Amino acid sequence: MTERLNGDERKTALAGLEGWSQTEGRDAIARTFVFRDFNEAFGFMTRVALVAEKSDHHPEWRNVYKTVEVVLTTHDAGGVTARDIVLAKAMNKIAAAM
């Protein structure tokens, strides 16, 4: 099992993740992505789904039209781990390429 990040580790990791922040009231990180339209938002989700499935680490997310709200936490560890940081970086990279 992956270990939860401590406060300093999470703070350092978040400093390197543009757009991501600590989720209020739970041990998770979140970001809202806004795209040009639904097609682009859905394309983003499809690309992220391939990465998530390959790594067996899946986001909590919600899509409304061109907006995708994402929350990352590692349920088995009870909070944010390195797996969440890796997936967040991948999401940022995918979004930047769109």
PDB file of N, CA and C in Angstrom:
ATOM      1  N   MET A   1       0.837  -1.186   0.000  1.00  0.00           N
ATOM      2  CA  MET A   1       0.000   0.000   0.000  1.00  0.00           C
ATOM      3  C   MET A   1       0.878   1.244   0.000  1.00  0.00           C
ATOM      4  N   THR A   2       0.430   2.263  -0.675  1.00  0.00           N
ATOM      5  CA  THR A   2       1.128   3.534  -0.737  1.00  0.00           C
ATOM      6  C   THR A   2       0.850   4.329   0.529  1.00  0.00           C
ATOM      7  N   GLU A   3       1.871   5.002   1.033  1.00  0.00           N
ATOM      8  CA  GLU A   3       1.731   5.784   2.268  1.00  0.00           C
ATOM      9  C   GLU A   3       1.176   7.173   1.982  1.00  0.00           C
ATOM     10  N   ARG A   4       0.346   7.663   2.878  1.00  0.00           N
ATOM     11  CA  ARG A   4      -0.171   9.029   2.779  1.00  0.00           C
ATOM     12  C   ARG A   4       0.967  10.031   2.887  1.00  0.00           C
ATOM     13  N   LEU A   5       0.839  11.131   2.174  1.00  0.00           N
ATOM     14  CA  LEU A   5       1.811  12.209   2.291  1.00  0.00           C
ATOM     15  C   LEU A   5       1.547  12.975   3.580  1.00  0.00           C
ATOM     16  N   ASN A   6       2.638  13.355   4.278  1.00  0.00           N
ATOM     17  CA  ASN A   6       2.449  14.187   5.468  1.00  0.00           C
ATOM     18  C   ASN A   6       2.220  15.635   5.028  1.00  0.00           C
ATOM     19  N   GLY A   7       1.966  16.503   5.956  1.00  0.00           N
ATOM     20  CA  GLY A   7       1.642  17.897   5.639  1.00  0.00           C
ATOM     21  C   GLY A   7       2.698  18.601   4.804  1.00  0.00           C
ATOM     22  N   ASP A   8       3.969  18.450   5.170  1.00  0.00           N
ATOM     23  CA  ASP A   8       5.041  19.103   4.416  1.00  0.00           C
ATOM     24  C   ASP A   8       5.184  18.511   3.019  1.00  0.00           C
ATOM     25  N   GLU A   9       5.068  17.203   2.903  1.00  0.00           N
ATOM     26  CA  GLU A   9       5.165  16.549   1.594  1.00  0.00           C
ATOM     27  C   GLU A   9       4.026  17.005   0.678  1.00  0.00           C
ATOM     28  N   ARG A  10       2.832  17.092   1.222  1.00  0.00           N
ATOM     29  CA  ARG A  10       1.678  17.532   0.433  1.00  0.00           C
ATOM     30  C   ARG A  10       1.851  18.985   0.003  1.00  0.00           C
ATOM     31  N   LYS A  11       2.306  19.822   0.921  1.00  0.00           N
ATOM     32  CA  LYS A  11       2.509  21.244   0.618  1.00  0.00           C
ATOM     33  C   LYS A  11       3.529  21.415  -0.510  1.00  0.00           C
ATOM     34  N   THR A  12       4.619  20.668  -0.447  1.00  0.00           N
ATOM     35  CA  THR A  12       5.648  20.713  -1.487  1.00  0.00           C
ATOM     36  C   THR A  12       5.095  20.218  -2.813  1.00  0.00           C
ATOM     37  N   ALA A  13       4.355  19.126  -2.783  1.00  0.00           N
ATOM     38  CA  ALA A  13       3.783  18.568  -4.007  1.00  0.00           C
ATOM     39  C   ALA A  13       2.783  19.535  -4.628  1.00  0.00           C
ATOM     40  N   LEU A  14       1.924  20.145  -3.824  1.00  0.00           N
ATOM     41  CA  LEU A  14       0.925  21.076  -4.343  1.00  0.00           C
ATOM     42  C   LEU A  14       1.568  22.324  -4.937  1.00  0.00           C
ATOM     43  N   ALA A  15       2.696  22.726  -4.394  1.00  0.00           N
ATOM     44  CA  ALA A  15       3.396  23.898  -4.935  1.00  0.00           C
ATOM     45  C   ALA A  15       3.823  23.674  -6.382  1.00  0.00           C
ATOM     46  N   GLY A  16       4.039  22.416  -6.749  1.00  0.00           N
ATOM     47  CA  GLY A  16       4.439  22.084  -8.106  1.00  0.00           C
ATOM     48  C   GLY A  16       3.295  21.674  -9.008  1.00  0.00           C
ATOM     49  N   LEU A  17       2.065  21.793  -8.535  1.00  0.00           N
ATOM     50  CA  LEU A  17       0.890  21.384  -9.309  1.00  0.00           C
ATOM     51  C   LEU A  17       0.001  22.588  -9.586  1.00  0.00           C
ATOM     52  N   GLU A  18       0.146  23.162 -10.756  1.00  0.00           N
ATOM     53  CA  GLU A  18      -0.643  24.329 -11.112  1.00  0.00           C
ATOM     54  C   GLU A  18      -2.137  24.005 -11.096  1.00  0.00           C
ATOM     55  N   GLY A  19      -2.891  24.842 -10.385  1.00  0.00           N
ATOM     56  CA  GLY A  19      -4.337  24.722 -10.375  1.00  0.00           C
ATOM     57  C   GLY A  19      -4.925  23.800  -9.322  1.00  0.00           C
ATOM     58  N   TRP A  20      -4.096  23.016  -8.656  1.00  0.00           N
ATOM     59  CA  TRP A  20      -4.593  22.058  -7.666  1.00  0.00           C
ATOM     60  C   TRP A  20      -4.546  22.670  -6.273  1.00  0.00           C
ATOM     61  N   SER A  21      -5.501  22.272  -5.422  1.00  0.00           N
ATOM     62  CA  SER A  21      -5.531  22.759  -4.051  1.00  0.00           C
ATOM     63  C   SER A  21      -6.035  21.670  -3.115  1.00  0.00           C
ATOM     64  N   GLN A  22      -5.791  21.877  -1.846  1.00  0.00           N
ATOM     65  CA  GLN A  22      -6.278  20.973  -0.818  1.00  0.00           C
ATOM     66  C   GLN A  22      -7.797  21.069  -0.760  1.00  0.00           C
ATOM     67  N   THR A  23      -8.464  19.940  -0.624  1.00  0.00           N
ATOM     68  CA  THR A  23      -9.922  19.910  -0.524  1.00  0.00           C
ATOM     69  C   THR A  23     -10.329  20.174   0.921  1.00  0.00           C
ATOM     70  N   GLU A  24     -11.238  21.094   1.087  1.00  0.00           N
ATOM     71  CA  GLU A  24     -11.736  21.444   2.415  1.00  0.00           C
ATOM     72  C   GLU A  24     -12.469  20.260   3.041  1.00  0.00           C
ATOM     73  N   GLY A  25     -12.089  19.911   4.264  1.00  0.00           N
ATOM     74  CA  GLY A  25     -12.830  18.910   5.015  1.00  0.00           C
ATOM     75  C   GLY A  25     -12.473  17.458   4.744  1.00  0.00           C
ATOM     76  N   ARG A  26     -11.480  17.218   3.871  1.00  0.00           N
ATOM     77  CA  ARG A  26     -11.066  15.834   3.649  1.00  0.00           C
ATOM     78  C   ARG A  26      -9.632  15.791   3.153  1.00  0.00           C
ATOM     79  N   ASP A  27      -9.027  14.623   3.241  1.00  0.00           N
ATOM     80  CA  ASP A  27      -7.640  14.442   2.820  1.00  0.00           C
ATOM     81  C   ASP A  27      -7.624  14.132   1.325  1.00  0.00           C
ATOM     82  N   ALA A  28      -7.729  15.192   0.512  1.00  0.00           N
ATOM     83  CA  ALA A  28      -7.815  15.058  -0.938  1.00  0.00           C
ATOM     84  C   ALA A  28      -7.340  16.361  -1.581  1.00  0.00           C
ATOM     85  N   ILE A  29      -7.049  16.286  -2.883  1.00  0.00           N
ATOM     86  CA  ILE A  29      -6.713  17.474  -3.653  1.00  0.00           C
ATOM     87  C   ILE A  29      -7.718  17.606  -4.792  1.00  0.00           C
ATOM     88  N   ALA A  30      -7.909  18.839  -5.271  1.00  0.00           N
ATOM     89  CA  ALA A  30      -8.940  19.060  -6.283  1.00  0.00           C
ATOM     90  C   ALA A  30      -8.508  20.115  -7.286  1.00  0.00           C
ATOM     91  N   ARG A  31      -9.112  20.013  -8.473  1.00  0.00           N
ATOM     92  CA  ARG A  31      -8.928  21.020  -9.505  1.00  0.00           C
ATOM     93  C   ARG A  31     -10.142  20.997 -10.418  1.00  0.00           C
ATOM     94  N   THR A  32     -10.488  22.165 -10.923  1.00  0.00           N
ATOM     95  CA  THR A  32     -11.537  22.285 -11.921  1.00  0.00           C
ATOM     96  C   THR A  32     -10.888  22.662 -13.250  1.00  0.00           C
ATOM     97  N   PHE A  33     -11.152  21.864 -14.266  1.00  0.00           N
ATOM     98  CA  PHE A  33     -10.657  22.122 -15.623  1.00  0.00           C
ATOM     99  C   PHE A  33     -11.816  22.658 -16.451  1.00  0.00           C
ATOM    100  N   VAL A  34     -11.575  23.710 -17.215  1.00  0.00           N
ATOM    101  CA  VAL A  34     -12.592  24.272 -18.095  1.00  0.00           C
ATOM    102  C   VAL A  34     -12.040  24.243 -19.523  1.00  0.00           C
ATOM    103  N   PHE A  35     -12.824  23.645 -20.411  1.00  0.00           N
ATOM    104  CA  PHE A  35     -12.412  23.474 -21.803  1.00  0.00           C
ATOM    105  C   PHE A  35     -13.276  24.330 -22.723  1.00  0.00           C
ATOM    106  N   ARG A  36     -13.003  24.281 -24.004  1.00  0.00           N
ATOM    107  CA  ARG A  36     -13.754  25.090 -24.980  1.00  0.00           C
ATOM    108  C   ARG A  36     -15.193  24.629 -25.137  1.00  0.00           C
ATOM    109  N   ASP A  37     -15.408  23.318 -25.020  1.00  0.00           N
ATOM    110  CA  ASP A  37     -16.753  22.782 -25.231  1.00  0.00           C
ATOM    111  C   ASP A  37     -16.824  21.375 -24.635  1.00  0.00           C
ATOM    112  N   PHE A  38     -18.000  20.770 -24.750  1.00  0.00           N
ATOM    113  CA  PHE A  38     -18.218  19.437 -24.197  1.00  0.00           C
ATOM    114  C   PHE A  38     -17.303  18.400 -24.844  1.00  0.00           C
ATOM    115  N   ASN A  39     -17.124  18.484 -26.148  1.00  0.00           N
ATOM    116  CA  ASN A  39     -16.293  17.524 -26.863  1.00  0.00           C
ATOM    117  C   ASN A  39     -14.859  17.518 -26.319  1.00  0.00           C
ATOM    118  N   GLU A  40     -14.314  18.692 -26.083  1.00  0.00           N
ATOM    119  CA  GLU A  40     -12.957  18.776 -25.550  1.00  0.00           C
ATOM    120  C   GLU A  40     -12.893  18.243 -24.115  1.00  0.00           C
ATOM    121  N   ALA A  41     -13.901  18.567 -23.316  1.00  0.00           N
ATOM    122  CA  ALA A  41     -13.944  18.070 -21.931  1.00  0.00           C
ATOM    123  C   ALA A  41     -14.033  16.548 -21.913  1.00  0.00           C
ATOM    124  N   PHE A  42     -14.876  15.996 -22.765  1.00  0.00           N
ATOM    125  CA  PHE A  42     -15.036  14.545 -22.820  1.00  0.00           C
ATOM    126  C   PHE A  42     -13.766  13.883 -23.349  1.00  0.00           C
ATOM    127  N   GLY A  43     -13.104  14.518 -24.323  1.00  0.00           N
ATOM    128  CA  GLY A  43     -11.829  14.001 -24.825  1.00  0.00           C
ATOM    129  C   GLY A  43     -10.779  13.956 -23.724  1.00  0.00           C
ATOM    130  N   PHE A  44     -10.742  14.995 -22.899  1.00  0.00           N
ATOM    131  CA  PHE A  44      -9.836  15.034 -21.756  1.00  0.00           C
ATOM    132  C   PHE A  44     -10.119  13.862 -20.823  1.00  0.00           C
ATOM    133  N   MET A  45     -11.383  13.661 -20.502  1.00  0.00           N
ATOM    134  CA  MET A  45     -11.754  12.580 -19.591  1.00  0.00           C
ATOM    135  C   MET A  45     -11.382  11.219 -20.176  1.00  0.00           C
ATOM    136  N   THR A  46     -11.554  11.060 -21.468  1.00  0.00           N
ATOM    137  CA  THR A  46     -11.209   9.794 -22.118  1.00  0.00           C
ATOM    138  C   THR A  46      -9.715   9.529 -22.027  1.00  0.00           C
ATOM    139  N   ARG A  47      -8.907  10.540 -22.296  1.00  0.00           N
ATOM    140  CA  ARG A  47      -7.446  10.384 -22.220  1.00  0.00           C
ATOM    141  C   ARG A  47      -7.002  10.089 -20.783  1.00  0.00           C
ATOM    142  N   VAL A  48      -7.596  10.800 -19.830  1.00  0.00           N
ATOM    143  CA  VAL A  48      -7.263  10.558 -18.417  1.00  0.00           C
ATOM    144  C   VAL A  48      -7.703   9.159 -18.007  1.00  0.00           C
ATOM    145  N   ALA A  49      -8.842   8.704 -18.485  1.00  0.00           N
ATOM    146  CA  ALA A  49      -9.331   7.369 -18.134  1.00  0.00           C
ATOM    147  C   ALA A  49      -8.336   6.292 -18.543  1.00  0.00           C
ATOM    148  N   LEU A  50      -7.696   6.461 -19.682  1.00  0.00           N
ATOM    149  CA  LEU A  50      -6.688   5.481 -20.129  1.00  0.00           C
ATOM    150  C   LEU A  50      -5.494   5.452 -19.179  1.00  0.00           C
ATOM    151  N   VAL A  51      -5.047   6.623 -18.763  1.00  0.00           N
ATOM    152  CA  VAL A  51      -3.924   6.711 -17.813  1.00  0.00           C
ATOM    153  C   VAL A  51      -4.343   6.119 -16.469  1.00  0.00           C
ATOM    154  N   ALA A  52      -5.535   6.480 -16.009  1.00  0.00           N
ATOM    155  CA  ALA A  52      -6.022   6.003 -14.710  1.00  0.00           C
ATOM    156  C   ALA A  52      -6.169   4.487 -14.694  1.00  0.00           C
ATOM    157  N   GLU A  53      -6.707   3.946 -15.755  1.00  0.00           N
ATOM    158  CA  GLU A  53      -6.899   2.493 -15.817  1.00  0.00           C
ATOM    159  C   GLU A  53      -5.559   1.763 -15.830  1.00  0.00           C
ATOM    160  N   LYS A  54      -4.615   2.297 -16.586  1.00  0.00           N
ATOM    161  CA  LYS A  54      -3.295   1.674 -16.676  1.00  0.00           C
ATOM    162  C   LYS A  54      -2.590   1.657 -15.311  1.00  0.00           C
ATOM    163  N   SER A  55      -2.791   2.716 -14.544  1.00  0.00           N
ATOM    164  CA  SER A  55      -2.144   2.805 -13.229  1.00  0.00           C
ATOM    165  C   SER A  55      -3.028   2.253 -12.105  1.00  0.00           C
ATOM    166  N   ASP A  56      -4.243   1.819 -12.448  1.00  0.00           N
ATOM    167  CA  ASP A  56      -5.204   1.310 -11.468  1.00  0.00           C
ATOM    168  C   ASP A  56      -5.424   2.316 -10.334  1.00  0.00           C
ATOM    169  N   HIS A  57      -5.577   3.578 -10.747  1.00  0.00           N
ATOM    170  CA  HIS A  57      -5.824   4.657  -9.779  1.00  0.00           C
ATOM    171  C   HIS A  57      -6.809   5.620 -10.434  1.00  0.00           C
ATOM    172  N   HIS A  58      -8.015   5.687  -9.911  1.00  0.00           N
ATOM    173  CA  HIS A  58      -9.115   6.355 -10.589  1.00  0.00           C
ATOM    174  C   HIS A  58      -9.571   7.618  -9.858  1.00  0.00           C
ATOM    175  N   PRO A  59      -9.854   8.672 -10.619  1.00  0.00           N
ATOM    176  CA  PRO A  59     -10.285   9.928 -10.008  1.00  0.00           C
ATOM    177  C   PRO A  59     -11.763   9.912  -9.626  1.00  0.00           C
ATOM    178  N   GLU A  60     -12.108  10.796  -8.730  1.00  0.00           N
ATOM    179  CA  GLU A  60     -13.499  11.151  -8.487  1.00  0.00           C
ATOM    180  C   GLU A  60     -13.701  12.377  -9.376  1.00  0.00           C
ATOM    181  N   TRP A  61     -14.670  12.333 -10.261  1.00  0.00           N
ATOM    182  CA  TRP A  61     -14.859  13.501 -11.119  1.00  0.00           C
ATOM    183  C   TRP A  61     -16.307  13.691 -11.510  1.00  0.00           C
ATOM    184  N   ARG A  62     -16.556  14.908 -11.995  1.00  0.00           N
ATOM    185  CA  ARG A  62     -17.896  15.317 -12.387  1.00  0.00           C
ATOM    186  C   ARG A  62     -17.758  16.187 -13.622  1.00  0.00           C
ATOM    187  N   ASN A  63     -18.586  15.947 -14.613  1.00  0.00           N
ATOM    188  CA  ASN A  63     -18.543  16.716 -15.846  1.00  0.00           C
ATOM    189  C   ASN A  63     -19.897  17.364 -16.102  1.00  0.00           C
ATOM    190  N   VAL A  64     -19.875  18.667 -16.327  1.00  0.00           N
ATOM    191  CA  VAL A  64     -21.046  19.394 -16.781  1.00  0.00           C
ATOM    192  C   VAL A  64     -20.586  20.259 -17.946  1.00  0.00           C
ATOM    193  N   TYR A  65     -21.118  19.960 -19.116  1.00  0.00           N
ATOM    194  CA  TYR A  65     -20.793  20.622 -20.374  1.00  0.00           C
ATOM    195  C   TYR A  65     -19.281  20.705 -20.574  1.00  0.00           C
ATOM    196  N   LYS A  66     -18.671  21.866 -20.419  1.00  0.00           N
ATOM    197  CA  LYS A  66     -17.247  22.020 -20.714  1.00  0.00           C
ATOM    198  C   LYS A  66     -16.370  22.032 -19.456  1.00  0.00           C
ATOM    199  N   THR A  67     -16.956  21.717 -18.323  1.00  0.00           N
ATOM    200  CA  THR A  67     -16.242  21.762 -17.049  1.00  0.00           C
ATOM    201  C   THR A  67     -16.084  20.361 -16.471  1.00  0.00           C
ATOM    202  N   VAL A  68     -14.863  20.064 -16.013  1.00  0.00           N
ATOM    203  CA  VAL A  68     -14.588  18.783 -15.356  1.00  0.00           C
ATOM    204  C   VAL A  68     -14.009  19.089 -13.978  1.00  0.00           C
ATOM    205  N   GLU A  69     -14.722  18.695 -12.939  1.00  0.00           N
ATOM    206  CA  GLU A  69     -14.263  18.861 -11.558  1.00  0.00           C
ATOM    207  C   GLU A  69     -13.654  17.549 -11.104  1.00  0.00           C
ATOM    208  N   VAL A  70     -12.426  17.611 -10.585  1.00  0.00           N
ATOM    209  CA  VAL A  70     -11.695  16.405 -10.207  1.00  0.00           C
ATOM    210  C   VAL A  70     -11.294  16.465  -8.736  1.00  0.00           C
ATOM    211  N   VAL A  71     -11.434  15.345  -8.045  1.00  0.00           N
ATOM    212  CA  VAL A  71     -10.925  15.172  -6.682  1.00  0.00           C
ATOM    213  C   VAL A  71     -10.073  13.918  -6.698  1.00  0.00           C
ATOM    214  N   LEU A  72      -8.868  14.023  -6.147  1.00  0.00           N
ATOM    215  CA  LEU A  72      -7.969  12.869  -6.063  1.00  0.00           C
ATOM    216  C   LEU A  72      -7.639  12.567  -4.613  1.00  0.00           C
ATOM    217  N   THR A  73      -7.751  11.302  -4.265  1.00  0.00           N
ATOM    218  CA  THR A  73      -7.352  10.770  -2.974  1.00  0.00           C
ATOM    219  C   THR A  73      -7.147   9.274  -3.161  1.00  0.00           C
ATOM    220  N   THR A  74      -6.312   8.694  -2.350  1.00  0.00           N
ATOM    221  CA  THR A  74      -6.089   7.258  -2.430  1.00  0.00           C
ATOM    222  C   THR A  74      -6.900   6.611  -1.311  1.00  0.00           C
ATOM    223  N   HIS A  75      -8.016   6.026  -1.666  1.00  0.00           N
ATOM    224  CA  HIS A  75      -8.948   5.496  -0.671  1.00  0.00           C
ATOM    225  C   HIS A  75      -8.303   4.431   0.212  1.00  0.00           C
ATOM    226  N   ASP A  76      -7.482   3.562  -0.379  1.00  0.00           N
ATOM    227  CA  ASP A  76      -6.833   2.502   0.406  1.00  0.00           C
ATOM    228  C   ASP A  76      -5.915   3.060   1.481  1.00  0.00           C
ATOM    229  N   ALA A  77      -5.332   4.243   1.227  1.00  0.00           N
ATOM    230  CA  ALA A  77      -4.405   4.849   2.179  1.00  0.00           C
ATOM    231  C   ALA A  77      -5.100   5.864   3.077  1.00  0.00           C
ATOM    232  N   GLY A  78      -6.326   6.200   2.749  1.00  0.00           N
ATOM    233  CA  GLY A  78      -7.062   7.160   3.574  1.00  0.00           C
ATOM    234  C   GLY A  78      -6.661   8.603   3.352  1.00  0.00           C
ATOM    235  N   GLY A  79      -6.089   8.906   2.185  1.00  0.00           N
ATOM    236  CA  GLY A  79      -5.705  10.290   1.916  1.00  0.00           C
ATOM    237  C   GLY A  79      -4.804  10.413   0.699  1.00  0.00           C
ATOM    238  N   VAL A  80      -4.200  11.581   0.562  1.00  0.00           N
ATOM    239  CA  VAL A  80      -3.363  11.897  -0.590  1.00  0.00           C
ATOM    240  C   VAL A  80      -2.034  11.148  -0.510  1.00  0.00           C
ATOM    241  N   THR A  81      -1.675  10.511  -1.639  1.00  0.00           N
ATOM    242  CA  THR A  81      -0.405   9.787  -1.743  1.00  0.00           C
ATOM    243  C   THR A  81       0.318  10.236  -3.009  1.00  0.00           C
ATOM    244  N   ALA A  82       1.482   9.686  -3.223  1.00  0.00           N
ATOM    245  CA  ALA A  82       2.250   9.971  -4.434  1.00  0.00           C
ATOM    246  C   ALA A  82       1.469   9.580  -5.684  1.00  0.00           C
ATOM    247  N   ARG A  83       0.613   8.582  -5.591  1.00  0.00           N
ATOM    248  CA  ARG A  83      -0.204   8.169  -6.748  1.00  0.00           C
ATOM    249  C   ARG A  83      -1.116   9.305  -7.203  1.00  0.00           C
ATOM    250  N   ASP A  84      -1.645  10.064  -6.265  1.00  0.00           N
ATOM    251  CA  ASP A  84      -2.503  11.196  -6.611  1.00  0.00           C
ATOM    252  C   ASP A  84      -1.704  12.302  -7.288  1.00  0.00           C
ATOM    253  N   ILE A  85      -0.506  12.530  -6.812  1.00  0.00           N
ATOM    254  CA  ILE A  85       0.345  13.568  -7.392  1.00  0.00           C
ATOM    255  C   ILE A  85       0.722  13.193  -8.824  1.00  0.00           C
ATOM    256  N   VAL A  86       1.063  11.946  -9.043  1.00  0.00           N
ATOM    257  CA  VAL A  86       1.406  11.476 -10.392  1.00  0.00           C
ATOM    258  C   VAL A  86       0.213  11.647 -11.335  1.00  0.00           C
ATOM    259  N   LEU A  87      -0.989  11.271 -10.893  1.00  0.00           N
ATOM    260  CA  LEU A  87      -2.166  11.405 -11.736  1.00  0.00           C
ATOM    261  C   LEU A  87      -2.499  12.877 -11.978  1.00  0.00           C
ATOM    262  N   ALA A  88      -2.353  13.715 -10.967  1.00  0.00           N
ATOM    263  CA  ALA A  88      -2.605  15.155 -11.138  1.00  0.00           C
ATOM    264  C   ALA A  88      -1.662  15.744 -12.181  1.00  0.00           C
ATOM    265  N   LYS A  89      -0.388  15.353 -12.140  1.00  0.00           N
ATOM    266  CA  LYS A  89       0.580  15.842 -13.133  1.00  0.00           C
ATOM    267  C   LYS A  89       0.192  15.378 -14.529  1.00  0.00           C
ATOM    268  N   ALA A  90      -0.235  14.145 -14.652  1.00  0.00           N
ATOM    269  CA  ALA A  90      -0.667  13.623 -15.942  1.00  0.00           C
ATOM    270  C   ALA A  90      -1.885  14.389 -16.457  1.00  0.00           C
ATOM    271  N   MET A  91      -2.816  14.691 -15.572  1.00  0.00           N
ATOM    272  CA  MET A  91      -4.005  15.448 -15.962  1.00  0.00           C
ATOM    273  C   MET A  91      -3.624  16.849 -16.452  1.00  0.00           C
ATOM    274  N   ASN A  92      -2.726  17.495 -15.744  1.00  0.00           N
ATOM    275  CA  ASN A  92      -2.275  18.825 -16.165  1.00  0.00           C
ATOM    276  C   ASN A  92      -1.636  18.757 -17.547  1.00  0.00           C
ATOM    277  N   LYS A  93      -0.830  17.737 -17.778  1.00  0.00           N
ATOM    278  CA  LYS A  93      -0.154  17.592 -19.059  1.00  0.00           C
ATOM    279  C   LYS A  93      -1.161  17.338 -20.187  1.00  0.00           C
ATOM    280  N   ILE A  94      -2.143  16.490 -19.924  1.00  0.00           N
ATOM    281  CA  ILE A  94      -3.168  16.203 -20.931  1.00  0.00           C
ATOM    282  C   ILE A  94      -3.975  17.465 -21.236  1.00  0.00           C
ATOM    283  N   ALA A  95      -4.370  18.197 -20.197  1.00  0.00           N
ATOM    284  CA  ALA A  95      -5.156  19.411 -20.399  1.00  0.00           C
ATOM    285  C   ALA A  95      -4.366  20.460 -21.187  1.00  0.00           C
ATOM    286  N   ALA A  96      -3.082  20.576 -20.907  1.00  0.00           N
ATOM    287  CA  ALA A  96      -2.242  21.564 -21.596  1.00  0.00           C
ATOM    288  C   ALA A  96      -2.096  21.233 -23.086  1.00  0.00           C
ATOM    289  N   ALA A  97      -2.190  19.957 -23.423  1.00  0.00           N
ATOM    290  CA  ALA A  97      -2.009  19.525 -24.814  1.00  0.00           C
ATOM    291  C   ALA A  97      -3.299  19.691 -25.636  1.00  0.00           C
ATOM    292  N   MET A  98      -4.384  20.041 -24.984  1.00  0.00           N
ATOM    293  CA  MET A  98      -5.669  20.122 -25.706  1.00  0.00           C
ATOM    294  C   MET A  98      -5.897  21.498 -26.295  1.00  0.00           C
TER     295      MET A  98
END
